[in-house]
Amino acid sequence: MRRPLFILIVSLQLLFLVAEAGSFELTIRRGPTVILKVAPVDPRSLFMGNYMWLDYVASELELSTLLYDPAVLDLQWGDPVYVSFTPEKPWARPRAVSGTLPPPSADVHLRARVIRVDPVGSILSYEAPEKPIYRTTPFIRVDYGLDRYFIPETKQQEIMRMQRRHGEGKIEIAAEIAVDKKGKGFPRRILVNGKPLDF
């Protein structure tokens, strides 16, 4: 009696894993996508093992230029947040920020985690040691959890040369992100001047 039960449990676990893998593949292949502009980084800190480090321009958001739920200003480090992007060329434009997943719309809603929130009146910088400059508009920095992209070791030198040119403003790098129904993003491919980077 125990053996059939054991086989049933193992079969259900395998079925669950296959379904999860299938859902992931379906999201990557057919799910809605957004193209996020990649910010230049120091080529010396570009790689972590065989992974390319990606920093997105849309990780730093001036809330005064977006629609946002005022409750966002009360979010703490690590809290979930959703950034709504309007698909445009050459890359998507952030349009709104919310603490909850917005209803389906023409926008693509990408889930992130709060790194920090700077409300109006927080210190922006210092003009002198005892003369702070205060922020006049609210700001939020988020982490989409999409900061690594696998690069074969044989291609890393080529990518480093490309990244130096990126830092000099000679090329534009972006990442195409597939997004599932819950807002979770998955890196799909890297784009250089709008064209997929082949490995």
C-alpha atoms as a PDB file:
ATOM      1  CA  MET A   1       0.000   0.000   0.000  1.00  0.00           C
ATOM      2  CA  ARG A   2       2.857   2.328   0.825  1.00  0.00           C
ATOM      3  CA  ARG A   3       4.626   1.812  -2.517  1.00  0.00           C
ATOM      4  CA  PRO A   4       1.720   3.048  -4.723  1.00  0.00           C
ATOM      5  CA  LEU A   5       1.353   6.079  -2.410  1.00  0.00           C
ATOM      6  CA  PHE A   6       5.062   6.834  -2.693  1.00  0.00           C
ATOM      7  CA  ILE A   7       4.911   6.552  -6.507  1.00  0.00           C
ATOM      8  CA  LEU A   8       1.874   8.866  -6.579  1.00  0.00           C
ATOM      9  CA  ILE A   9       3.640  11.518  -4.461  1.00  0.00           C
ATOM     10  CA  VAL A  10       6.799  11.397  -6.601  1.00  0.00           C
ATOM     11  CA  SER A  11       4.713  11.567  -9.794  1.00  0.00           C
ATOM     12  CA  LEU A  12       2.827  14.619  -8.541  1.00  0.00           C
ATOM     13  CA  GLN A  13       6.096  16.348  -7.641  1.00  0.00           C
ATOM     14  CA  LEU A  14       7.524  15.640 -11.101  1.00  0.00           C
ATOM     15  CA  LEU A  15       4.317  16.856 -12.725  1.00  0.00           C
ATOM     16  CA  PHE A  16       4.554  20.093 -10.741  1.00  0.00           C
ATOM     17  CA  LEU A  17       8.194  20.646 -11.825  1.00  0.00           C
ATOM     18  CA  VAL A  18       7.346  19.973 -15.483  1.00  0.00           C
ATOM     19  CA  ALA A  19       4.412  22.398 -15.293  1.00  0.00           C
ATOM     20  CA  GLU A  20       6.644  25.084 -13.730  1.00  0.00           C
ATOM     21  CA  ALA A  21       9.279  24.609 -16.432  1.00  0.00           C
ATOM     22  CA  GLY A  22       6.616  24.769 -19.122  1.00  0.00           C
ATOM     23  CA  SER A  23       5.177  27.965 -17.662  1.00  0.00           C
ATOM     24  CA  PHE A  24       8.654  29.525 -17.574  1.00  0.00           C
ATOM     25  CA  GLU A  25       9.330  28.618 -21.225  1.00  0.00           C
ATOM     26  CA  LEU A  26       5.925  29.948 -22.279  1.00  0.00           C
ATOM     27  CA  THR A  27       6.619  33.265 -20.518  1.00  0.00           C
ATOM     28  CA  ILE A  28      10.049  33.585 -22.143  1.00  0.00           C
ATOM     29  CA  ARG A  29       8.744  32.772 -25.619  1.00  0.00           C
ATOM     30  CA  ARG A  30       5.289  34.369 -25.698  1.00  0.00           C
ATOM     31  CA  GLY A  31       4.861  36.584 -22.655  1.00  0.00           C
ATOM     32  CA  PRO A  32       4.710  40.387 -22.885  1.00  0.00           C
ATOM     33  CA  THR A  33       8.111  42.040 -23.002  1.00  0.00           C
ATOM     34  CA  VAL A  34       9.688  45.362 -22.147  1.00  0.00           C
ATOM     35  CA  ILE A  35      13.023  46.707 -23.318  1.00  0.00           C
ATOM     36  CA  LEU A  36      15.006  48.353 -20.530  1.00  0.00           C
ATOM     37  CA  LYS A  37      17.955  50.630 -21.186  1.00  0.00           C
ATOM     38  CA  VAL A  38      21.163  49.468 -19.503  1.00  0.00           C
ATOM     39  CA  ALA A  39      23.234  52.083 -17.697  1.00  0.00           C
ATOM     40  CA  PRO A  40      27.006  52.123 -18.311  1.00  0.00           C
ATOM     41  CA  VAL A  41      29.100  50.360 -15.650  1.00  0.00           C
ATOM     42  CA  ASP A  42      32.826  50.143 -14.995  1.00  0.00           C
ATOM     43  CA  PRO A  43      34.145  47.330 -17.292  1.00  0.00           C
ATOM     44  CA  ARG A  44      36.317  46.126 -14.393  1.00  0.00           C
ATOM     45  CA  SER A  45      33.162  45.271 -12.437  1.00  0.00           C
ATOM     46  CA  LEU A  46      31.231  44.017 -15.441  1.00  0.00           C
ATOM     47  CA  PHE A  47      31.403  40.282 -14.706  1.00  0.00           C
ATOM     48  CA  MET A  48      30.571  38.019 -11.773  1.00  0.00           C
ATOM     49  CA  GLY A  49      31.895  34.661 -12.915  1.00  0.00           C
ATOM     50  CA  ASN A  50      30.197  33.923 -16.219  1.00  0.00           C
ATOM     51  CA  TYR A  51      27.476  36.499 -15.659  1.00  0.00           C
ATOM     52  CA  MET A  52      27.276  39.998 -17.105  1.00  0.00           C
ATOM     53  CA  TRP A  53      26.309  42.660 -14.567  1.00  0.00           C
ATOM     54  CA  LEU A  54      23.352  44.810 -15.679  1.00  0.00           C
ATOM     55  CA  ASP A  55      22.299  48.110 -14.127  1.00  0.00           C
ATOM     56  CA  TYR A  56      19.117  49.656 -15.506  1.00  0.00           C
ATOM     57  CA  VAL A  57      18.426  53.349 -16.029  1.00  0.00           C
ATOM     58  CA  ALA A  58      14.841  52.719 -14.857  1.00  0.00           C
ATOM     59  CA  SER A  59      16.111  51.536 -11.450  1.00  0.00           C
ATOM     60  CA  GLU A  60      16.261  55.180 -10.341  1.00  0.00           C
ATOM     61  CA  LEU A  61      12.891  56.908 -10.611  1.00  0.00           C
ATOM     62  CA  GLU A  62      12.011  60.537 -10.007  1.00  0.00           C
ATOM     63  CA  LEU A  63       8.446  60.119  -8.781  1.00  0.00           C
ATOM     64  CA  SER A  64       7.477  63.668  -9.725  1.00  0.00           C
ATOM     65  CA  THR A  65       7.684  62.617 -13.393  1.00  0.00           C
ATOM     66  CA  LEU A  66       5.442  59.538 -12.882  1.00  0.00           C
ATOM     67  CA  LEU A  67       2.003  58.553 -11.658  1.00  0.00           C
ATOM     68  CA  TYR A  68       2.409  57.011  -8.221  1.00  0.00           C
ATOM     69  CA  ASP A  69       0.444  55.850  -5.219  1.00  0.00           C
ATOM     70  CA  PRO A  70       1.365  58.109  -2.246  1.00  0.00           C
ATOM     71  CA  ALA A  71       1.657  54.932  -0.144  1.00  0.00           C
ATOM     72  CA  VAL A  72       4.841  54.185  -2.111  1.00  0.00           C
ATOM     73  CA  LEU A  73       6.598  56.845  -0.020  1.00  0.00           C
ATOM     74  CA  ASP A  74       6.048  54.704   3.091  1.00  0.00           C
ATOM     75  CA  LEU A  75       7.643  51.573   1.615  1.00  0.00           C
ATOM     76  CA  GLN A  76      10.780  50.190   3.244  1.00  0.00           C
ATOM     77  CA  TRP A  77      13.868  48.393   1.951  1.00  0.00           C
ATOM     78  CA  GLY A  78      12.898  45.028   0.447  1.00  0.00           C
ATOM     79  CA  ASP A  79       9.189  45.785   0.050  1.00  0.00           C
ATOM     80  CA  PRO A  80       7.642  44.750  -3.290  1.00  0.00           C
ATOM     81  CA  VAL A  81       6.786  47.503  -5.758  1.00  0.00           C
ATOM     82  CA  TYR A  82       5.478  47.487  -9.324  1.00  0.00           C
ATOM     83  CA  VAL A  83       6.742  49.752 -12.090  1.00  0.00           C
ATOM     84  CA  SER A  84       4.409  50.137 -15.067  1.00  0.00           C
ATOM     85  CA  PHE A  85       6.158  50.580 -18.401  1.00  0.00           C
ATOM     86  CA  THR A  86       4.718  51.905 -21.646  1.00  0.00           C
ATOM     87  CA  PRO A  87       6.337  49.944 -24.498  1.00  0.00           C
ATOM     88  CA  GLU A  88       8.117  52.397 -26.795  1.00  0.00           C
ATOM     89  CA  LYS A  89      11.133  52.398 -29.083  1.00  0.00           C
ATOM     90  CA  PRO A  90      14.050  52.183 -28.565  1.00  0.00           C
ATOM     91  CA  TRP A  91      13.139  51.232 -24.953  1.00  0.00           C
ATOM     92  CA  ALA A  92      10.171  51.247 -22.614  1.00  0.00           C
ATOM     93  CA  ARG A  93       9.255  54.338 -20.633  1.00  0.00           C
ATOM     94  CA  PRO A  94       8.328  54.045 -16.925  1.00  0.00           C
ATOM     95  CA  ARG A  95       4.883  55.565 -16.428  1.00  0.00           C
ATOM     96  CA  ALA A  96       3.686  54.663 -12.930  1.00  0.00           C
ATOM     97  CA  VAL A  97       4.746  53.138  -9.607  1.00  0.00           C
ATOM     98  CA  SER A  98       2.469  51.217  -7.236  1.00  0.00           C
ATOM     99  CA  GLY A  99       2.777  49.091  -4.132  1.00  0.00           C
ATOM    100  CA  THR A 100       0.299  46.543  -5.538  1.00  0.00           C
ATOM    101  CA  LEU A 101       0.026  44.782  -8.904  1.00  0.00           C
ATOM    102  CA  PRO A 102      -2.091  46.995 -11.206  1.00  0.00           C
ATOM    103  CA  PRO A 103      -4.906  45.444 -13.275  1.00  0.00           C
ATOM    104  CA  PRO A 104      -4.049  44.301 -16.831  1.00  0.00           C
ATOM    105  CA  SER A 105      -3.637  47.168 -19.301  1.00  0.00           C
ATOM    106  CA  ALA A 106      -1.605  48.206 -22.328  1.00  0.00           C
ATOM    107  CA  ASP A 107       1.295  48.836 -19.939  1.00  0.00           C
ATOM    108  CA  VAL A 108       3.617  46.072 -18.753  1.00  0.00           C
ATOM    109  CA  HIS A 109       3.843  45.843 -14.952  1.00  0.00           C
ATOM    110  CA  LEU A 110       7.275  44.735 -13.723  1.00  0.00           C
ATOM    111  CA  ARG A 111       7.802  43.676 -10.101  1.00  0.00           C
ATOM    112  CA  ALA A 112      10.783  45.031  -8.181  1.00  0.00           C
ATOM    113  CA  ARG A 113      12.059  45.451  -4.619  1.00  0.00           C
ATOM    114  CA  VAL A 114      12.581  48.780  -2.919  1.00  0.00           C
ATOM    115  CA  ILE A 115      16.204  49.738  -2.298  1.00  0.00           C
ATOM    116  CA  ARG A 116      15.456  53.154  -0.866  1.00  0.00           C
ATOM    117  CA  VAL A 117      12.855  55.908  -0.862  1.00  0.00           C
ATOM    118  CA  ASP A 118      13.890  59.562  -0.558  1.00  0.00           C
ATOM    119  CA  PRO A 119      10.910  61.780   0.279  1.00  0.00           C
ATOM    120  CA  VAL A 120      10.776  65.534  -0.191  1.00  0.00           C
ATOM    121  CA  GLY A 121      13.040  67.177   2.381  1.00  0.00           C
ATOM    122  CA  SER A 122      15.563  64.351   2.582  1.00  0.00           C
ATOM    123  CA  ILE A 123      19.216  65.248   2.059  1.00  0.00           C
ATOM    124  CA  LEU A 124      20.232  64.991  -1.593  1.00  0.00           C
ATOM    125  CA  SER A 125      23.894  66.006  -1.266  1.00  0.00           C
ATOM    126  CA  TYR A 126      26.177  68.486   0.486  1.00  0.00           C
ATOM    127  CA  GLU A 127      27.289  71.801  -0.973  1.00  0.00           C
ATOM    128  CA  ALA A 128      29.701  72.026   1.966  1.00  0.00           C
ATOM    129  CA  PRO A 129      30.312  69.810   5.044  1.00  0.00           C
ATOM    130  CA  GLU A 130      27.668  71.676   7.059  1.00  0.00           C
ATOM    131  CA  LYS A 131      25.488  72.861   4.170  1.00  0.00           C
ATOM    132  CA  PRO A 132      23.155  70.098   2.942  1.00  0.00           C
ATOM    133  CA  ILE A 133      21.092  70.310  -0.224  1.00  0.00           C
ATOM    134  CA  TYR A 134      17.578  68.997   0.350  1.00  0.00           C
ATOM    135  CA  ARG A 135      15.520  67.014  -2.127  1.00  0.00           C
ATOM    136  CA  THR A 136      12.570  68.948  -3.556  1.00  0.00           C
ATOM    137  CA  THR A 137      10.957  65.993  -5.357  1.00  0.00           C
ATOM    138  CA  PRO A 138      10.423  62.378  -4.171  1.00  0.00           C
ATOM    139  CA  PHE A 139      12.718  59.631  -5.475  1.00  0.00           C
ATOM    140  CA  ILE A 140      12.808  55.825  -5.349  1.00  0.00           C
ATOM    141  CA  ARG A 141      15.499  53.300  -6.266  1.00  0.00           C
ATOM    142  CA  VAL A 142      14.376  49.761  -7.050  1.00  0.00           C
ATOM    143  CA  ASP A 143      15.935  46.406  -7.868  1.00  0.00           C
ATOM    144  CA  TYR A 144      14.191  44.274 -10.514  1.00  0.00           C
ATOM    145  CA  GLY A 145      16.245  41.190  -9.661  1.00  0.00           C
ATOM    146  CA  LEU A 146      17.454  41.108 -13.276  1.00  0.00           C
ATOM    147  CA  ASP A 147      21.034  42.200 -12.794  1.00  0.00           C
ATOM    148  CA  ARG A 148      22.772  39.072 -14.137  1.00  0.00           C
ATOM    149  CA  TYR A 149      22.877  37.644 -17.657  1.00  0.00           C
ATOM    150  CA  PHE A 150      24.865  34.527 -18.557  1.00  0.00           C
ATOM    151  CA  ILE A 151      27.765  35.151 -20.979  1.00  0.00           C
ATOM    152  CA  PRO A 152      29.999  32.313 -22.257  1.00  0.00           C
ATOM    153  CA  GLU A 153      33.587  32.749 -21.069  1.00  0.00           C
ATOM    154  CA  THR A 154      34.789  32.823 -24.700  1.00  0.00           C
ATOM    155  CA  LYS A 155      32.728  35.993 -25.285  1.00  0.00           C
ATOM    156  CA  GLN A 156      33.683  37.979 -22.198  1.00  0.00           C
ATOM    157  CA  GLN A 157      36.589  39.918 -23.730  1.00  0.00           C
ATOM    158  CA  GLU A 158      34.362  40.933 -26.632  1.00  0.00           C
ATOM    159  CA  ILE A 159      31.669  42.104 -24.208  1.00  0.00           C
ATOM    160  CA  MET A 160      34.220  44.110 -22.183  1.00  0.00           C
ATOM    161  CA  ARG A 161      35.341  45.936 -25.332  1.00  0.00           C
ATOM    162  CA  MET A 162      31.708  46.597 -26.170  1.00  0.00           C
ATOM    163  CA  GLN A 163      31.061  47.907 -22.658  1.00  0.00           C
ATOM    164  CA  ARG A 164      33.958  50.378 -22.924  1.00  0.00           C
ATOM    165  CA  ARG A 165      32.374  51.774 -26.082  1.00  0.00           C
ATOM    166  CA  HIS A 166      29.058  51.898 -24.217  1.00  0.00           C
ATOM    167  CA  GLY A 167      30.655  53.994 -21.483  1.00  0.00           C
ATOM    168  CA  GLU A 168      31.956  56.358 -24.144  1.00  0.00           C
ATOM    169  CA  GLY A 169      28.441  56.759 -25.541  1.00  0.00           C
ATOM    170  CA  LYS A 170      29.282  55.058 -28.835  1.00  0.00           C
ATOM    171  CA  ILE A 171      26.716  52.265 -28.512  1.00  0.00           C
ATOM    172  CA  GLU A 172      23.413  51.685 -26.703  1.00  0.00           C
ATOM    173  CA  ILE A 173      22.809  48.506 -24.685  1.00  0.00           C
ATOM    174  CA  ALA A 174      19.378  47.317 -23.609  1.00  0.00           C
ATOM    175  CA  ALA A 175      17.835  44.132 -22.220  1.00  0.00           C
ATOM    176  CA  GLU A 176      14.602  42.570 -23.434  1.00  0.00           C
ATOM    177  CA  ILE A 177      12.643  41.338 -20.405  1.00  0.00           C
ATOM    178  CA  ALA A 178       9.761  38.851 -20.562  1.00  0.00           C
ATOM    179  CA  VAL A 179       7.159  39.426 -17.833  1.00  0.00           C
ATOM    180  CA  ASP A 180       4.670  36.917 -16.398  1.00  0.00           C
ATOM    181  CA  LYS A 181       1.159  37.636 -15.091  1.00  0.00           C
ATOM    182  CA  LYS A 182       2.450  38.309 -11.572  1.00  0.00           C
ATOM    183  CA  GLY A 183       4.969  40.887 -12.779  1.00  0.00           C
ATOM    184  CA  LYS A 184       8.060  38.712 -12.426  1.00  0.00           C
ATOM    185  CA  GLY A 185      10.664  39.464 -15.096  1.00  0.00           C
ATOM    186  CA  PHE A 186      13.002  37.097 -16.935  1.00  0.00           C
ATOM    187  CA  PRO A 187      15.934  38.345 -19.086  1.00  0.00           C
ATOM    188  CA  ARG A 188      15.279  37.205 -22.640  1.00  0.00           C
ATOM    189  CA  ARG A 189      18.158  38.705 -24.625  1.00  0.00           C
ATOM    190  CA  ILE A 190      20.630  41.591 -24.811  1.00  0.00           C
ATOM    191  CA  LEU A 191      20.258  44.230 -27.534  1.00  0.00           C
ATOM    192  CA  VAL A 192      23.108  46.338 -28.899  1.00  0.00           C
ATOM    193  CA  ASN A 193      21.962  49.342 -30.906  1.00  0.00           C
ATOM    194  CA  GLY A 194      18.604  47.602 -31.196  1.00  0.00           C
ATOM    195  CA  LYS A 195      19.964  44.307 -32.534  1.00  0.00           C
ATOM    196  CA  PRO A 196      20.101  41.004 -30.581  1.00  0.00           C
ATOM    197  CA  LEU A 197      23.536  40.041 -29.313  1.00  0.00           C
ATOM    198  CA  ASP A 198      24.355  36.515 -30.504  1.00  0.00           C
ATOM    199  CA  PHE A 199      26.553  34.085 -28.546  1.00  0.00           C
END
